[in-house]
Amino acid sequence: MSYPPRNPQTGALHHIELWVPSLTRARAEWGWLLGELGYEPFQDWGDGCSWRLGDGYLVVEKSPAMVAWRHDRMRPGLNHLAFHGGSRAEVDKIAAAAPEHGWAILFADKHPHAGGPDHYAAYLANSDGFEAEIVAAAE
């Protein structure tokens, strides 16, 4: 696939950029999760890197302009990113391995139905306070 796409769908996400306090930690935690979801390394420079899937990509960057050192998903701004995770078995596999890669299960008492009885997902939080929801395909 060529990049950038020649005919992107108007309104589709082009990229998401997350500012992180530790690029080393972000590379490890986000790199593992995104790799599990099929993303491939895309860009790499001194203060950041990215992973691409299809026409979009996700960037992590340690910016010198950053004014806080931890993301707070409970404050105004980004609460979480939600990703299609494949089958329930694939979501379960990611959830089981997540703690070994810096991600904690959120809402463990309701997992995997924290989003309701008809919603199967793993809600994960990483060391820097970012939340990722990994959603299973409907069966």
N, C-alpha and C. Protein backbone atom coordinates (compact mmCIF):
# COMPACT_ATOMS: atom_id res chain seq x y z
N MET A 1 0.84 -1.18 0.00
CA MET A 1 0.00 0.00 0.00
C MET A 1 0.89 1.24 0.00
N SER A 2 0.53 2.19 -0.83
CA SER A 2 1.27 3.45 -0.85
C SER A 2 0.80 4.35 0.29
N TYR A 3 1.66 5.24 0.69
CA TYR A 3 1.28 6.18 1.74
C TYR A 3 1.75 7.55 1.33
N PRO A 4 0.97 8.61 1.44
CA PRO A 4 -0.40 8.59 1.95
C PRO A 4 -1.36 8.00 0.93
N PRO A 5 -2.55 7.58 1.41
CA PRO A 5 -3.52 6.99 0.48
C PRO A 5 -3.93 8.01 -0.58
N ARG A 6 -4.19 7.53 -1.76
CA ARG A 6 -4.53 8.43 -2.87
C ARG A 6 -5.95 8.97 -2.77
N ASN A 7 -6.88 8.19 -2.25
CA ASN A 7 -8.27 8.61 -2.18
C ASN A 7 -8.86 8.31 -0.80
N PRO A 8 -8.38 9.00 0.23
CA PRO A 8 -8.91 8.70 1.57
C PRO A 8 -10.37 9.11 1.67
N GLN A 9 -11.11 8.39 2.51
CA GLN A 9 -12.50 8.73 2.75
C GLN A 9 -12.56 10.02 3.55
N THR A 10 -13.29 10.99 3.06
CA THR A 10 -13.45 12.25 3.78
C THR A 10 -14.01 11.96 5.17
N GLY A 11 -13.40 12.52 6.16
CA GLY A 11 -13.84 12.34 7.54
C GLY A 11 -13.15 11.21 8.27
N ALA A 12 -12.47 10.32 7.55
CA ALA A 12 -11.75 9.22 8.21
C ALA A 12 -10.58 9.80 9.00
N LEU A 13 -10.24 9.17 10.10
CA LEU A 13 -9.08 9.62 10.87
C LEU A 13 -7.81 9.45 10.05
N HIS A 14 -6.99 10.46 10.07
CA HIS A 14 -5.69 10.41 9.40
C HIS A 14 -4.65 9.85 10.37
N HIS A 15 -4.57 10.46 11.56
CA HIS A 15 -3.69 9.94 12.61
C HIS A 15 -4.12 10.47 13.96
N ILE A 16 -3.63 9.83 14.98
CA ILE A 16 -3.81 10.25 16.37
C ILE A 16 -2.42 10.42 16.95
N GLU A 17 -2.21 11.52 17.68
CA GLU A 17 -0.92 11.75 18.31
C GLU A 17 -1.11 11.85 19.82
N LEU A 18 -0.38 11.03 20.55
CA LEU A 18 -0.41 11.03 22.00
C LEU A 18 0.92 11.55 22.52
N TRP A 19 0.88 12.56 23.37
CA TRP A 19 2.10 13.02 24.03
C TRP A 19 2.31 12.20 25.28
N VAL A 20 3.51 11.71 25.46
CA VAL A 20 3.81 10.78 26.54
C VAL A 20 5.01 11.28 27.35
N PRO A 21 5.03 10.95 28.65
CA PRO A 21 6.15 11.38 29.49
C PRO A 21 7.41 10.55 29.30
N SER A 22 7.27 9.31 28.84
CA SER A 22 8.42 8.43 28.63
C SER A 22 8.27 7.75 27.27
N LEU A 23 9.11 8.13 26.34
CA LEU A 23 9.07 7.52 25.02
C LEU A 23 9.47 6.04 25.09
N THR A 24 10.41 5.72 25.92
CA THR A 24 10.84 4.32 26.07
C THR A 24 9.68 3.46 26.53
N ARG A 25 8.98 3.91 27.55
CA ARG A 25 7.83 3.16 28.08
C ARG A 25 6.71 3.09 27.04
N ALA A 26 6.45 4.20 26.36
CA ALA A 26 5.39 4.23 25.34
C ALA A 26 5.71 3.28 24.18
N ARG A 27 6.96 3.26 23.76
CA ARG A 27 7.35 2.33 22.69
C ARG A 27 7.04 0.89 23.09
N ALA A 28 7.36 0.56 24.33
CA ALA A 28 7.15 -0.82 24.80
C ALA A 28 5.66 -1.12 24.96
N GLU A 29 4.93 -0.28 25.68
CA GLU A 29 3.53 -0.57 25.97
C GLU A 29 2.64 -0.43 24.74
N TRP A 30 2.70 0.72 24.08
CA TRP A 30 1.88 0.92 22.87
C TRP A 30 2.36 0.01 21.74
N GLY A 31 3.66 -0.17 21.62
CA GLY A 31 4.19 -1.04 20.57
C GLY A 31 3.67 -2.46 20.69
N TRP A 32 3.63 -2.98 21.92
CA TRP A 32 3.10 -4.32 22.11
C TRP A 32 1.62 -4.37 21.74
N LEU A 33 0.82 -3.46 22.30
CA LEU A 33 -0.63 -3.50 22.07
C LEU A 33 -0.96 -3.31 20.59
N LEU A 34 -0.37 -2.32 19.97
CA LEU A 34 -0.65 -2.08 18.56
C LEU A 34 -0.18 -3.23 17.68
N GLY A 35 0.94 -3.83 18.03
CA GLY A 35 1.41 -5.01 17.29
C GLY A 35 0.42 -6.16 17.39
N GLU A 36 -0.16 -6.36 18.57
CA GLU A 36 -1.17 -7.41 18.75
C GLU A 36 -2.39 -7.14 17.88
N LEU A 37 -2.68 -5.88 17.61
CA LEU A 37 -3.85 -5.49 16.82
C LEU A 37 -3.55 -5.39 15.33
N GLY A 38 -2.34 -5.71 14.93
CA GLY A 38 -2.00 -5.73 13.51
C GLY A 38 -1.32 -4.49 12.97
N TYR A 39 -1.02 -3.52 13.83
CA TYR A 39 -0.31 -2.32 13.38
C TYR A 39 1.15 -2.67 13.11
N GLU A 40 1.76 -1.93 12.21
CA GLU A 40 3.18 -2.11 11.91
C GLU A 40 3.93 -0.83 12.20
N PRO A 41 5.20 -0.92 12.65
CA PRO A 41 5.99 0.29 12.83
C PRO A 41 5.98 1.12 11.54
N PHE A 42 5.89 2.43 11.70
CA PHE A 42 5.75 3.30 10.55
C PHE A 42 6.83 4.37 10.50
N GLN A 43 6.90 5.22 11.50
CA GLN A 43 7.87 6.31 11.54
C GLN A 43 8.67 6.22 12.83
N ASP A 44 9.87 6.77 12.81
CA ASP A 44 10.70 6.76 14.01
C ASP A 44 11.64 7.96 13.95
N TRP A 45 11.65 8.79 14.99
CA TRP A 45 12.55 9.93 15.08
C TRP A 45 12.93 10.11 16.53
N GLY A 46 13.80 11.00 16.83
CA GLY A 46 14.35 11.16 18.17
C GLY A 46 13.33 11.31 19.28
N ASP A 47 12.26 12.05 19.03
CA ASP A 47 11.27 12.32 20.08
C ASP A 47 9.97 11.55 19.91
N GLY A 48 9.91 10.61 18.96
CA GLY A 48 8.65 9.90 18.78
C GLY A 48 8.74 8.76 17.79
N CYS A 49 7.61 8.10 17.64
CA CYS A 49 7.49 7.00 16.68
C CYS A 49 6.01 6.78 16.41
N SER A 50 5.73 5.97 15.39
CA SER A 50 4.34 5.70 15.06
C SER A 50 4.18 4.28 14.54
N TRP A 51 2.94 3.84 14.55
CA TRP A 51 2.54 2.55 14.01
C TRP A 51 1.36 2.79 13.08
N ARG A 52 1.29 2.04 11.99
CA ARG A 52 0.26 2.25 10.98
C ARG A 52 -0.58 1.00 10.78
N LEU A 53 -1.85 1.23 10.53
CA LEU A 53 -2.78 0.18 10.13
C LEU A 53 -3.71 0.78 9.09
N GLY A 54 -3.71 0.24 7.90
CA GLY A 54 -4.55 0.79 6.84
C GLY A 54 -4.12 2.21 6.51
N ASP A 55 -5.09 3.09 6.41
CA ASP A 55 -4.82 4.47 6.03
C ASP A 55 -4.45 5.37 7.22
N GLY A 56 -4.56 4.88 8.44
CA GLY A 56 -4.31 5.72 9.61
C GLY A 56 -3.12 5.25 10.41
N TYR A 57 -2.66 6.13 11.28
CA TYR A 57 -1.55 5.75 12.14
C TYR A 57 -1.67 6.43 13.50
N LEU A 58 -0.97 5.87 14.48
CA LEU A 58 -0.95 6.39 15.84
C LEU A 58 0.48 6.75 16.18
N VAL A 59 0.64 7.98 16.70
CA VAL A 59 1.95 8.53 17.05
C VAL A 59 2.06 8.62 18.56
N VAL A 60 3.21 8.29 19.12
CA VAL A 60 3.55 8.66 20.49
C VAL A 60 4.77 9.56 20.41
N GLU A 61 4.72 10.64 21.17
CA GLU A 61 5.80 11.62 21.10
C GLU A 61 6.05 12.22 22.48
N LYS A 62 7.32 12.42 22.79
CA LYS A 62 7.70 13.14 24.01
C LYS A 62 8.04 14.56 23.58
N SER A 63 7.06 15.44 23.72
CA SER A 63 7.21 16.81 23.25
C SER A 63 7.82 17.71 24.32
N PRO A 64 8.73 18.59 23.94
CA PRO A 64 9.26 19.55 24.91
C PRO A 64 8.20 20.58 25.33
N ALA A 65 7.09 20.66 24.61
CA ALA A 65 6.03 21.61 24.95
C ALA A 65 5.02 21.03 25.94
N MET A 66 5.18 19.78 26.34
CA MET A 66 4.23 19.13 27.25
C MET A 66 4.26 19.82 28.61
N VAL A 67 3.08 20.05 29.21
CA VAL A 67 3.01 20.77 30.48
C VAL A 67 2.63 19.89 31.67
N ALA A 68 2.24 18.64 31.44
CA ALA A 68 1.93 17.72 32.53
C ALA A 68 2.66 16.40 32.24
N TRP A 69 2.82 15.59 33.26
CA TRP A 69 3.61 14.38 33.10
C TRP A 69 2.81 13.09 33.24
N ARG A 70 1.50 13.20 33.31
CA ARG A 70 0.64 12.01 33.34
C ARG A 70 -0.68 12.36 32.70
N HIS A 71 -1.16 11.48 31.84
CA HIS A 71 -2.48 11.66 31.23
C HIS A 71 -3.54 11.33 32.26
N ASP A 72 -4.60 12.12 32.32
CA ASP A 72 -5.71 11.85 33.23
C ASP A 72 -6.98 11.70 32.40
N ARG A 73 -7.39 10.46 32.18
CA ARG A 73 -8.56 10.20 31.34
C ARG A 73 -9.85 10.69 31.96
N MET A 74 -9.81 11.10 33.22
CA MET A 74 -11.00 11.58 33.91
C MET A 74 -11.18 13.10 33.77
N ARG A 75 -10.23 13.76 33.15
CA ARG A 75 -10.31 15.21 32.94
C ARG A 75 -10.80 15.48 31.52
N PRO A 76 -11.19 16.72 31.23
CA PRO A 76 -11.59 17.03 29.86
C PRO A 76 -10.49 16.63 28.88
N GLY A 77 -10.90 16.13 27.76
CA GLY A 77 -9.95 15.66 26.75
C GLY A 77 -10.21 14.20 26.43
N LEU A 78 -9.19 13.53 26.01
CA LEU A 78 -9.31 12.14 25.59
C LEU A 78 -9.60 11.23 26.78
N ASN A 79 -10.67 10.45 26.70
CA ASN A 79 -10.94 9.45 27.72
C ASN A 79 -10.29 8.13 27.36
N HIS A 80 -10.53 7.65 26.14
CA HIS A 80 -9.89 6.40 25.73
C HIS A 80 -9.94 6.25 24.22
N LEU A 81 -9.13 5.32 23.74
CA LEU A 81 -9.16 4.90 22.34
C LEU A 81 -9.76 3.51 22.31
N ALA A 82 -10.68 3.26 21.38
CA ALA A 82 -11.30 1.95 21.25
C ALA A 82 -10.88 1.32 19.92
N PHE A 83 -10.46 0.07 19.99
CA PHE A 83 -9.96 -0.65 18.82
C PHE A 83 -10.79 -1.91 18.61
N HIS A 84 -11.04 -2.26 17.34
CA HIS A 84 -11.61 -3.56 17.04
C HIS A 84 -10.55 -4.60 17.41
N GLY A 85 -10.95 -5.61 18.16
CA GLY A 85 -9.97 -6.58 18.64
C GLY A 85 -10.11 -7.97 18.06
N GLY A 86 -11.03 -8.17 17.13
CA GLY A 86 -11.22 -9.49 16.56
C GLY A 86 -12.22 -10.30 17.37
N SER A 87 -12.02 -11.59 17.44
CA SER A 87 -12.93 -12.49 18.14
C SER A 87 -12.81 -12.33 19.66
N ARG A 88 -13.75 -12.92 20.37
CA ARG A 88 -13.66 -12.92 21.84
C ARG A 88 -12.37 -13.58 22.30
N ALA A 89 -11.99 -14.66 21.64
CA ALA A 89 -10.76 -15.36 22.01
C ALA A 89 -9.54 -14.46 21.81
N GLU A 90 -9.54 -13.67 20.74
CA GLU A 90 -8.42 -12.75 20.50
C GLU A 90 -8.39 -11.64 21.55
N VAL A 91 -9.55 -11.13 21.92
CA VAL A 91 -9.62 -10.10 22.97
C VAL A 91 -9.15 -10.70 24.30
N ASP A 92 -9.59 -11.91 24.60
CA ASP A 92 -9.16 -12.58 25.83
C ASP A 92 -7.65 -12.79 25.86
N LYS A 93 -7.07 -13.14 24.72
CA LYS A 93 -5.61 -13.34 24.64
C LYS A 93 -4.88 -12.03 24.95
N ILE A 94 -5.34 -10.94 24.38
CA ILE A 94 -4.72 -9.64 24.64
C ILE A 94 -4.86 -9.28 26.11
N ALA A 95 -6.07 -9.45 26.65
CA ALA A 95 -6.32 -9.10 28.05
C ALA A 95 -5.43 -9.92 28.99
N ALA A 96 -5.26 -11.19 28.69
CA ALA A 96 -4.45 -12.06 29.55
C ALA A 96 -2.98 -11.65 29.54
N ALA A 97 -2.48 -11.22 28.39
CA ALA A 97 -1.06 -10.85 28.27
C ALA A 97 -0.79 -9.41 28.65
N ALA A 98 -1.81 -8.58 28.70
CA ALA A 98 -1.63 -7.15 28.91
C ALA A 98 -0.80 -6.78 30.15
N PRO A 99 -1.05 -7.39 31.31
CA PRO A 99 -0.27 -7.01 32.49
C PRO A 99 1.24 -7.21 32.34
N GLU A 100 1.66 -8.17 31.53
CA GLU A 100 3.08 -8.40 31.30
C GLU A 100 3.72 -7.30 30.45
N HIS A 101 2.87 -6.45 29.87
CA HIS A 101 3.34 -5.42 28.95
C HIS A 101 2.97 -4.01 29.41
N GLY A 102 2.71 -3.84 30.71
CA GLY A 102 2.46 -2.52 31.27
C GLY A 102 1.02 -2.06 31.27
N TRP A 103 0.09 -2.93 30.91
CA TRP A 103 -1.33 -2.59 30.85
C TRP A 103 -2.09 -3.31 31.96
N ALA A 104 -2.94 -2.60 32.67
CA ALA A 104 -3.76 -3.19 33.73
C ALA A 104 -5.20 -3.30 33.23
N ILE A 105 -5.91 -4.31 33.68
CA ILE A 105 -7.33 -4.46 33.35
C ILE A 105 -8.12 -3.48 34.21
N LEU A 106 -8.93 -2.66 33.57
CA LEU A 106 -9.84 -1.76 34.28
C LEU A 106 -11.17 -2.49 34.48
N PHE A 107 -11.89 -2.11 35.52
CA PHE A 107 -13.23 -2.65 35.78
C PHE A 107 -13.19 -4.18 35.84
N ALA A 108 -12.18 -4.72 36.50
CA ALA A 108 -11.95 -6.17 36.53
C ALA A 108 -13.16 -6.93 37.05
N ASP A 109 -13.92 -6.33 37.96
CA ASP A 109 -15.09 -7.01 38.52
C ASP A 109 -16.20 -7.19 37.49
N LYS A 110 -16.16 -6.44 36.39
CA LYS A 110 -17.18 -6.55 35.34
C LYS A 110 -16.62 -7.10 34.03
N HIS A 111 -15.33 -7.33 33.99
CA HIS A 111 -14.67 -7.79 32.76
C HIS A 111 -15.21 -9.15 32.34
N PRO A 112 -15.52 -9.40 31.10
CA PRO A 112 -15.34 -8.58 29.91
C PRO A 112 -16.60 -7.82 29.49
N HIS A 113 -17.54 -7.64 30.42
CA HIS A 113 -18.81 -6.98 30.08
C HIS A 113 -18.96 -5.63 30.79
N ALA A 114 -17.85 -4.92 31.00
CA ALA A 114 -17.92 -3.63 31.67
C ALA A 114 -18.72 -2.61 30.87
N GLY A 115 -18.84 -2.81 29.57
CA GLY A 115 -19.63 -1.92 28.73
C GLY A 115 -21.09 -2.33 28.62
N GLY A 116 -21.49 -3.34 29.36
CA GLY A 116 -22.86 -3.83 29.33
C GLY A 116 -22.89 -5.30 28.93
N PRO A 117 -24.03 -5.96 29.17
CA PRO A 117 -24.11 -7.40 28.95
C PRO A 117 -23.93 -7.83 27.49
N ASP A 118 -24.19 -6.94 26.56
CA ASP A 118 -24.07 -7.29 25.14
C ASP A 118 -22.79 -6.75 24.51
N HIS A 119 -21.89 -6.22 25.34
CA HIS A 119 -20.65 -5.62 24.83
C HIS A 119 -19.47 -6.38 25.43
N TYR A 120 -18.70 -7.05 24.59
CA TYR A 120 -17.56 -7.86 25.04
C TYR A 120 -16.28 -7.11 24.71
N ALA A 121 -15.56 -6.70 25.74
CA ALA A 121 -14.35 -5.89 25.51
C ALA A 121 -13.42 -5.99 26.71
N ALA A 122 -12.16 -5.68 26.44
CA ALA A 122 -11.17 -5.53 27.50
C ALA A 122 -10.86 -4.05 27.62
N TYR A 123 -10.99 -3.51 28.80
CA TYR A 123 -10.62 -2.12 29.08
C TYR A 123 -9.27 -2.16 29.77
N LEU A 124 -8.28 -1.51 29.16
CA LEU A 124 -6.92 -1.55 29.66
C LEU A 124 -6.42 -0.15 29.95
N ALA A 125 -5.57 0.00 30.95
CA ALA A 125 -4.91 1.27 31.25
C ALA A 125 -3.42 1.02 31.34
N ASN A 126 -2.63 1.92 30.73
CA ASN A 126 -1.18 1.72 30.77
C ASN A 126 -0.55 2.54 31.89
N SER A 127 0.76 2.46 31.99
CA SER A 127 1.51 3.11 33.07
C SER A 127 1.33 4.62 33.09
N ASP A 128 1.05 5.22 31.94
CA ASP A 128 0.91 6.67 31.85
C ASP A 128 -0.53 7.14 31.95
N GLY A 129 -1.47 6.24 32.24
CA GLY A 129 -2.86 6.62 32.45
C GLY A 129 -3.72 6.62 31.20
N PHE A 130 -3.20 6.16 30.07
CA PHE A 130 -4.02 6.08 28.86
C PHE A 130 -4.87 4.81 28.91
N GLU A 131 -6.10 4.93 28.43
CA GLU A 131 -7.01 3.79 28.38
C GLU A 131 -7.21 3.35 26.94
N ALA A 132 -7.19 2.05 26.73
CA ALA A 132 -7.52 1.46 25.44
C ALA A 132 -8.61 0.42 25.66
N GLU A 133 -9.64 0.49 24.85
CA GLU A 133 -10.71 -0.50 24.89
C GLU A 133 -10.55 -1.40 23.68
N ILE A 134 -10.48 -2.70 23.92
CA ILE A 134 -10.31 -3.67 22.85
C ILE A 134 -11.64 -4.42 22.72
N VAL A 135 -12.36 -4.15 21.63
CA VAL A 135 -13.73 -4.61 21.46
C VAL A 135 -13.78 -5.87 20.59
N ALA A 136 -14.50 -6.88 21.06
CA ALA A 136 -14.67 -8.12 20.29
C ALA A 136 -15.75 -7.93 19.24
N ALA A 137 -15.57 -8.61 18.14
CA ALA A 137 -16.58 -8.61 17.08
C ALA A 137 -17.84 -9.31 17.59
N ALA A 138 -18.99 -8.87 17.10
CA ALA A 138 -20.24 -9.51 17.45
C ALA A 138 -20.23 -10.95 16.98
N GLU A 139 -20.78 -11.82 17.79
CA GLU A 139 -20.80 -13.24 17.41
C GLU A 139 -22.19 -13.64 16.99
